[in-house]
Amino acid sequence: MNQRDTTEADFDFTVDILSAFFAQGRIRRSLATIADVEVTGWEKWWQVELAMFLCDHDQISEWDIEEEFLTDRRRGTTKDFVAADISFRRRKYAADRLIILELKQDNDWKRCVANMLSDAEKMHTTQSRSLFGAVVRSFFVVGVYPSVGKAEIHDHIEKLAEAREIEWDLMETRFIKDTPFSFTIL
């Protein structure tokens, strides 16, 4: 399987993981309450809940939070390392190959998208190995925000990505049932 096929397979797998995560009644009720009481800054809650979900998933063999990657200073960064929000390995896949997720949430969907693309740029300054030797198999950014039309969000992402000279071949947006939120993965 070539890298493009691997990335597409990982993308589809990750969309399925996220869809199953957001299909849980407890998570949907929590998101509805977050919206009702106007909670902000709940990204860390989401990160922990997703990690716990991965812990019990039969197709995930291991996961980590805040996996650290050295930066490649030739790419214009001043930091020595960056930490990815979630990393996980699919069961029956190479032990040192990880799928990396950066998570974003915001009550303003345009700001969420801008932050997603900033995180993508940040991760593109890293070397392909973590501090512990794991290799990035695939990298995706996921954002949760108040729902807007899929075409509107996709057009906005494409315009911002083009302006920043970021290429995205894969993009999926899904509404989170019984909540006012959607998620987009790039």
C-alpha atoms as a PDB file:
ATOM      1  CA  MET A   1       0.000   0.000   0.000  1.00  0.00           C
ATOM      2  CA  ASN A   2       1.468   3.380  -0.944  1.00  0.00           C
ATOM      3  CA  GLN A   3       1.444   6.419   1.397  1.00  0.00           C
ATOM      4  CA  ARG A   4      -1.619   7.954  -0.278  1.00  0.00           C
ATOM      5  CA  ASP A   5      -3.618   4.731   0.156  1.00  0.00           C
ATOM      6  CA  THR A   6      -2.401   4.435   3.763  1.00  0.00           C
ATOM      7  CA  THR A   7      -3.454   8.012   4.531  1.00  0.00           C
ATOM      8  CA  GLU A   8      -6.889   7.492   2.950  1.00  0.00           C
ATOM      9  CA  ALA A   9      -7.417   4.258   4.892  1.00  0.00           C
ATOM     10  CA  ASP A  10      -6.320   5.944   8.133  1.00  0.00           C
ATOM     11  CA  PHE A  11      -8.578   8.918   7.374  1.00  0.00           C
ATOM     12  CA  ASP A  12     -11.630   6.675   6.873  1.00  0.00           C
ATOM     13  CA  PHE A  13     -10.749   4.711  10.013  1.00  0.00           C
ATOM     14  CA  THR A  14     -10.360   7.907  12.040  1.00  0.00           C
ATOM     15  CA  VAL A  15     -13.664   9.339  10.746  1.00  0.00           C
ATOM     16  CA  ASP A  16     -15.321   6.104  11.887  1.00  0.00           C
ATOM     17  CA  ILE A  17     -13.652   6.384  15.317  1.00  0.00           C
ATOM     18  CA  LEU A  18     -14.802   9.993  15.722  1.00  0.00           C
ATOM     19  CA  SER A  19     -18.321   9.186  14.515  1.00  0.00           C
ATOM     20  CA  ALA A  20     -18.601   6.352  17.034  1.00  0.00           C
ATOM     21  CA  PHE A  21     -17.208   8.580  19.794  1.00  0.00           C
ATOM     22  CA  PHE A  22     -19.717  11.358  19.077  1.00  0.00           C
ATOM     23  CA  ALA A  23     -22.568   8.827  18.728  1.00  0.00           C
ATOM     24  CA  GLN A  24     -22.323   7.937  22.414  1.00  0.00           C
ATOM     25  CA  GLY A  25     -25.357   9.183  24.317  1.00  0.00           C
ATOM     26  CA  ARG A  26     -23.248  10.386  27.247  1.00  0.00           C
ATOM     27  CA  ILE A  27     -21.013  12.465  24.978  1.00  0.00           C
ATOM     28  CA  ARG A  28     -23.966  13.937  23.082  1.00  0.00           C
ATOM     29  CA  ARG A  29     -25.690  14.849  26.370  1.00  0.00           C
ATOM     30  CA  SER A  30     -22.479  16.469  27.615  1.00  0.00           C
ATOM     31  CA  LEU A  31     -22.117  18.482  24.400  1.00  0.00           C
ATOM     32  CA  ALA A  32     -25.750  19.592  24.576  1.00  0.00           C
ATOM     33  CA  THR A  33     -25.193  20.746  28.170  1.00  0.00           C
ATOM     34  CA  ILE A  34     -21.954  22.500  27.161  1.00  0.00           C
ATOM     35  CA  ALA A  35     -23.967  24.441  24.590  1.00  0.00           C
ATOM     36  CA  ASP A  36     -26.900  25.139  26.957  1.00  0.00           C
ATOM     37  CA  VAL A  37     -24.742  26.589  29.740  1.00  0.00           C
ATOM     38  CA  GLU A  38     -22.288  28.150  27.267  1.00  0.00           C
ATOM     39  CA  VAL A  39     -19.165  26.412  28.545  1.00  0.00           C
ATOM     40  CA  THR A  40     -15.997  27.495  26.751  1.00  0.00           C
ATOM     41  CA  GLY A  41     -12.531  25.969  26.699  1.00  0.00           C
ATOM     42  CA  TRP A  42     -13.639  22.334  26.849  1.00  0.00           C
ATOM     43  CA  GLU A  43     -10.936  20.989  24.522  1.00  0.00           C
ATOM     44  CA  LYS A  44      -9.067  19.198  27.354  1.00  0.00           C
ATOM     45  CA  TRP A  45     -12.326  17.471  28.412  1.00  0.00           C
ATOM     46  CA  TRP A  46     -12.755  16.269  24.821  1.00  0.00           C
ATOM     47  CA  GLN A  47      -9.147  15.064  24.684  1.00  0.00           C
ATOM     48  CA  VAL A  48      -9.534  13.002  27.872  1.00  0.00           C
ATOM     49  CA  GLU A  49     -12.929  11.576  26.844  1.00  0.00           C
ATOM     50  CA  LEU A  50     -11.575  10.587  23.417  1.00  0.00           C
ATOM     51  CA  ALA A  51      -8.539   8.951  25.032  1.00  0.00           C
ATOM     52  CA  MET A  52     -10.816   6.910  27.318  1.00  0.00           C
ATOM     53  CA  PHE A  53     -12.878   5.898  24.287  1.00  0.00           C
ATOM     54  CA  LEU A  54      -9.714   4.748  22.479  1.00  0.00           C
ATOM     55  CA  CYS A  55      -8.738   2.770  25.568  1.00  0.00           C
ATOM     56  CA  ASP A  56     -11.801   0.552  25.139  1.00  0.00           C
ATOM     57  CA  HIS A  57     -11.793   0.390  21.324  1.00  0.00           C
ATOM     58  CA  ASP A  58     -11.121  -3.119  19.994  1.00  0.00           C
ATOM     59  CA  GLN A  59      -9.175  -1.855  16.952  1.00  0.00           C
ATOM     60  CA  ILE A  60      -6.774   0.374  18.922  1.00  0.00           C
ATOM     61  CA  SER A  61      -3.774  -1.269  20.521  1.00  0.00           C
ATOM     62  CA  GLU A  62      -2.312   1.771  22.266  1.00  0.00           C
ATOM     63  CA  TRP A  63      -2.774   5.505  22.594  1.00  0.00           C
ATOM     64  CA  ASP A  64      -1.091   8.502  24.195  1.00  0.00           C
ATOM     65  CA  ILE A  65      -1.844  12.116  25.034  1.00  0.00           C
ATOM     66  CA  GLU A  66       0.663  14.889  24.321  1.00  0.00           C
ATOM     67  CA  GLU A  67       3.118  12.749  22.314  1.00  0.00           C
ATOM     68  CA  GLU A  68       6.158  14.998  21.868  1.00  0.00           C
ATOM     69  CA  PHE A  69       7.878  15.540  18.530  1.00  0.00           C
ATOM     70  CA  LEU A  70      11.133  17.378  17.945  1.00  0.00           C
ATOM     71  CA  THR A  71      10.832  20.298  15.581  1.00  0.00           C
ATOM     72  CA  ASP A  72      12.861  20.787  12.470  1.00  0.00           C
ATOM     73  CA  ARG A  73      14.263  24.265  13.001  1.00  0.00           C
ATOM     74  CA  ARG A  74      14.928  24.622   9.279  1.00  0.00           C
ATOM     75  CA  ARG A  75      11.156  24.989   8.897  1.00  0.00           C
ATOM     76  CA  GLY A  76      11.024  28.313  10.712  1.00  0.00           C
ATOM     77  CA  THR A  77      10.060  27.464  14.282  1.00  0.00           C
ATOM     78  CA  THR A  78      11.736  28.576  17.493  1.00  0.00           C
ATOM     79  CA  LYS A  79      10.388  25.742  19.658  1.00  0.00           C
ATOM     80  CA  ASP A  80      12.406  22.601  20.340  1.00  0.00           C
ATOM     81  CA  PHE A  81       9.366  20.314  20.304  1.00  0.00           C
ATOM     82  CA  VAL A  82       5.585  20.261  19.895  1.00  0.00           C
ATOM     83  CA  ALA A  83       3.108  17.918  21.528  1.00  0.00           C
ATOM     84  CA  ALA A  84       0.315  16.228  19.592  1.00  0.00           C
ATOM     85  CA  ASP A  85      -3.033  16.056  21.384  1.00  0.00           C
ATOM     86  CA  ILE A  86      -3.762  12.363  20.709  1.00  0.00           C
ATOM     87  CA  SER A  87      -1.738   9.608  19.119  1.00  0.00           C
ATOM     88  CA  PHE A  88      -2.844   6.035  18.623  1.00  0.00           C
ATOM     89  CA  ARG A  89      -1.879   2.839  16.885  1.00  0.00           C
ATOM     90  CA  ARG A  90      -4.231   0.569  15.055  1.00  0.00           C
ATOM     91  CA  ARG A  91      -4.219  -3.048  16.199  1.00  0.00           C
ATOM     92  CA  LYS A  92      -2.190  -5.336  13.887  1.00  0.00           C
ATOM     93  CA  TYR A  93      -0.199  -2.414  12.443  1.00  0.00           C
ATOM     94  CA  ALA A  94       3.473  -1.598  12.973  1.00  0.00           C
ATOM     95  CA  ALA A  95       4.186  -0.858  16.634  1.00  0.00           C
ATOM     96  CA  ASP A  96       6.089   2.350  15.912  1.00  0.00           C
ATOM     97  CA  ARG A  97       3.593   3.885  13.425  1.00  0.00           C
ATOM     98  CA  LEU A  98       1.058   6.288  14.904  1.00  0.00           C
ATOM     99  CA  ILE A  99      -1.981   8.195  13.755  1.00  0.00           C
ATOM    100  CA  ILE A 100      -1.730  11.703  15.185  1.00  0.00           C
ATOM    101  CA  LEU A 101      -4.699  13.951  15.954  1.00  0.00           C
ATOM    102  CA  GLU A 102      -4.706  17.622  16.843  1.00  0.00           C
ATOM    103  CA  LEU A 103      -8.007  18.639  18.447  1.00  0.00           C
ATOM    104  CA  LYS A 104      -9.635  22.052  18.346  1.00  0.00           C
ATOM    105  CA  GLN A 105     -12.939  23.436  19.608  1.00  0.00           C
ATOM    106  CA  ASP A 106     -14.360  26.907  19.537  1.00  0.00           C
ATOM    107  CA  ASN A 107     -17.762  28.552  19.727  1.00  0.00           C
ATOM    108  CA  ASP A 108     -16.839  30.532  16.602  1.00  0.00           C
ATOM    109  CA  TRP A 109     -16.538  28.150  13.653  1.00  0.00           C
ATOM    110  CA  LYS A 110     -14.286  30.463  11.638  1.00  0.00           C
ATOM    111  CA  ARG A 111     -11.865  30.835  14.542  1.00  0.00           C
ATOM    112  CA  CYS A 112     -11.968  27.047  15.031  1.00  0.00           C
ATOM    113  CA  VAL A 113     -10.982  26.499  11.393  1.00  0.00           C
ATOM    114  CA  ALA A 114      -8.183  29.078  11.617  1.00  0.00           C
ATOM    115  CA  ASN A 115      -6.876  27.362  14.766  1.00  0.00           C
ATOM    116  CA  MET A 116      -7.083  23.962  13.065  1.00  0.00           C
ATOM    117  CA  LEU A 117      -4.942  25.191  10.188  1.00  0.00           C
ATOM    118  CA  SER A 118      -2.476  26.818  12.615  1.00  0.00           C
ATOM    119  CA  ASP A 119      -2.110  23.493  14.423  1.00  0.00           C
ATOM    120  CA  ALA A 120      -1.568  21.758  11.100  1.00  0.00           C
ATOM    121  CA  GLU A 121       1.190  24.232  10.259  1.00  0.00           C
ATOM    122  CA  LYS A 122       2.720  23.676  13.705  1.00  0.00           C
ATOM    123  CA  MET A 123       2.777  19.901  13.245  1.00  0.00           C
ATOM    124  CA  HIS A 124       4.339  20.273   9.803  1.00  0.00           C
ATOM    125  CA  THR A 125       7.385  21.836  11.476  1.00  0.00           C
ATOM    126  CA  THR A 126       8.098  18.579  13.291  1.00  0.00           C
ATOM    127  CA  GLN A 127      10.381  15.741  12.463  1.00  0.00           C
ATOM    128  CA  SER A 128       8.653  12.505  11.550  1.00  0.00           C
ATOM    129  CA  ARG A 129       9.691  10.753  14.792  1.00  0.00           C
ATOM    130  CA  SER A 130       8.508  11.427  18.315  1.00  0.00           C
ATOM    131  CA  LEU A 131      10.939  11.807  21.197  1.00  0.00           C
ATOM    132  CA  PHE A 132      10.302   8.115  21.929  1.00  0.00           C
ATOM    133  CA  GLY A 133      10.965   6.926  18.384  1.00  0.00           C
ATOM    134  CA  ALA A 134       7.409   6.555  17.094  1.00  0.00           C
ATOM    135  CA  VAL A 135       6.840   7.540  13.473  1.00  0.00           C
ATOM    136  CA  VAL A 136       3.903   9.590  12.174  1.00  0.00           C
ATOM    137  CA  ARG A 137       1.873   7.250   9.993  1.00  0.00           C
ATOM    138  CA  SER A 138      -0.896   9.808   9.361  1.00  0.00           C
ATOM    139  CA  PHE A 139      -1.718  13.247  10.764  1.00  0.00           C
ATOM    140  CA  PHE A 140      -5.163  14.852  10.976  1.00  0.00           C
ATOM    141  CA  VAL A 141      -6.724  17.919  12.598  1.00  0.00           C
ATOM    142  CA  VAL A 142     -10.233  17.716  14.053  1.00  0.00           C
ATOM    143  CA  GLY A 143     -12.378  20.668  15.047  1.00  0.00           C
ATOM    144  CA  VAL A 144     -15.711  20.863  16.864  1.00  0.00           C
ATOM    145  CA  TYR A 145     -17.794  24.025  16.536  1.00  0.00           C
ATOM    146  CA  PRO A 146     -21.433  25.165  16.343  1.00  0.00           C
ATOM    147  CA  SER A 147     -22.952  23.702  13.193  1.00  0.00           C
ATOM    148  CA  VAL A 148     -22.998  25.579   9.909  1.00  0.00           C
ATOM    149  CA  GLY A 149     -23.604  24.245   6.424  1.00  0.00           C
ATOM    150  CA  LYS A 150     -21.045  21.727   5.182  1.00  0.00           C
ATOM    151  CA  ALA A 151     -20.487  23.587   1.918  1.00  0.00           C
ATOM    152  CA  GLU A 152     -19.874  26.837   3.793  1.00  0.00           C
ATOM    153  CA  ILE A 153     -17.279  25.320   6.104  1.00  0.00           C
ATOM    154  CA  HIS A 154     -15.538  23.392   3.317  1.00  0.00           C
ATOM    155  CA  ASP A 155     -15.335  26.499   1.117  1.00  0.00           C
ATOM    156  CA  HIS A 156     -13.917  28.501   4.022  1.00  0.00           C
ATOM    157  CA  ILE A 157     -11.317  25.819   4.800  1.00  0.00           C
ATOM    158  CA  GLU A 158     -10.256  25.616   1.167  1.00  0.00           C
ATOM    159  CA  LYS A 159      -9.844  29.410   0.939  1.00  0.00           C
ATOM    160  CA  LEU A 160      -7.787  29.607   4.136  1.00  0.00           C
ATOM    161  CA  ALA A 161      -5.694  26.573   3.230  1.00  0.00           C
ATOM    162  CA  GLU A 162      -4.975  27.985  -0.214  1.00  0.00           C
ATOM    163  CA  ALA A 163      -3.949  31.345   1.273  1.00  0.00           C
ATOM    164  CA  ARG A 164      -1.588  29.535   3.652  1.00  0.00           C
ATOM    165  CA  GLU A 165      -0.383  27.201   0.888  1.00  0.00           C
ATOM    166  CA  ILE A 166      -1.579  24.105   2.745  1.00  0.00           C
ATOM    167  CA  GLU A 167      -2.818  21.180   0.659  1.00  0.00           C
ATOM    168  CA  TRP A 168      -5.756  19.117   1.897  1.00  0.00           C
ATOM    169  CA  ASP A 169      -7.045  16.250  -0.149  1.00  0.00           C
ATOM    170  CA  LEU A 170      -9.218  14.729   2.544  1.00  0.00           C
ATOM    171  CA  MET A 171     -11.948  16.537   4.445  1.00  0.00           C
ATOM    172  CA  GLU A 172     -15.104  15.328   6.150  1.00  0.00           C
ATOM    173  CA  THR A 173     -17.737  17.192   8.161  1.00  0.00           C
ATOM    174  CA  ARG A 174     -20.415  15.499  10.215  1.00  0.00           C
ATOM    175  CA  PHE A 175     -23.241  16.859  12.333  1.00  0.00           C
ATOM    176  CA  ILE A 176     -23.268  15.537  15.911  1.00  0.00           C
ATOM    177  CA  LYS A 177     -26.795  14.248  16.480  1.00  0.00           C
ATOM    178  CA  ASP A 178     -28.881  15.853  19.252  1.00  0.00           C
ATOM    179  CA  THR A 179     -26.353  18.670  19.708  1.00  0.00           C
ATOM    180  CA  PRO A 180     -25.812  22.038  18.045  1.00  0.00           C
ATOM    181  CA  PHE A 181     -22.279  20.956  17.043  1.00  0.00           C
ATOM    182  CA  SER A 182     -20.466  19.506  14.053  1.00  0.00           C
ATOM    183  CA  PHE A 183     -16.985  18.146  13.632  1.00  0.00           C
ATOM    184  CA  THR A 184     -14.640  18.476  10.706  1.00  0.00           C
ATOM    185  CA  ILE A 185     -11.528  16.412  10.112  1.00  0.00           C
ATOM    186  CA  LEU A 186      -8.782  17.383   7.685  1.00  0.00           C
END
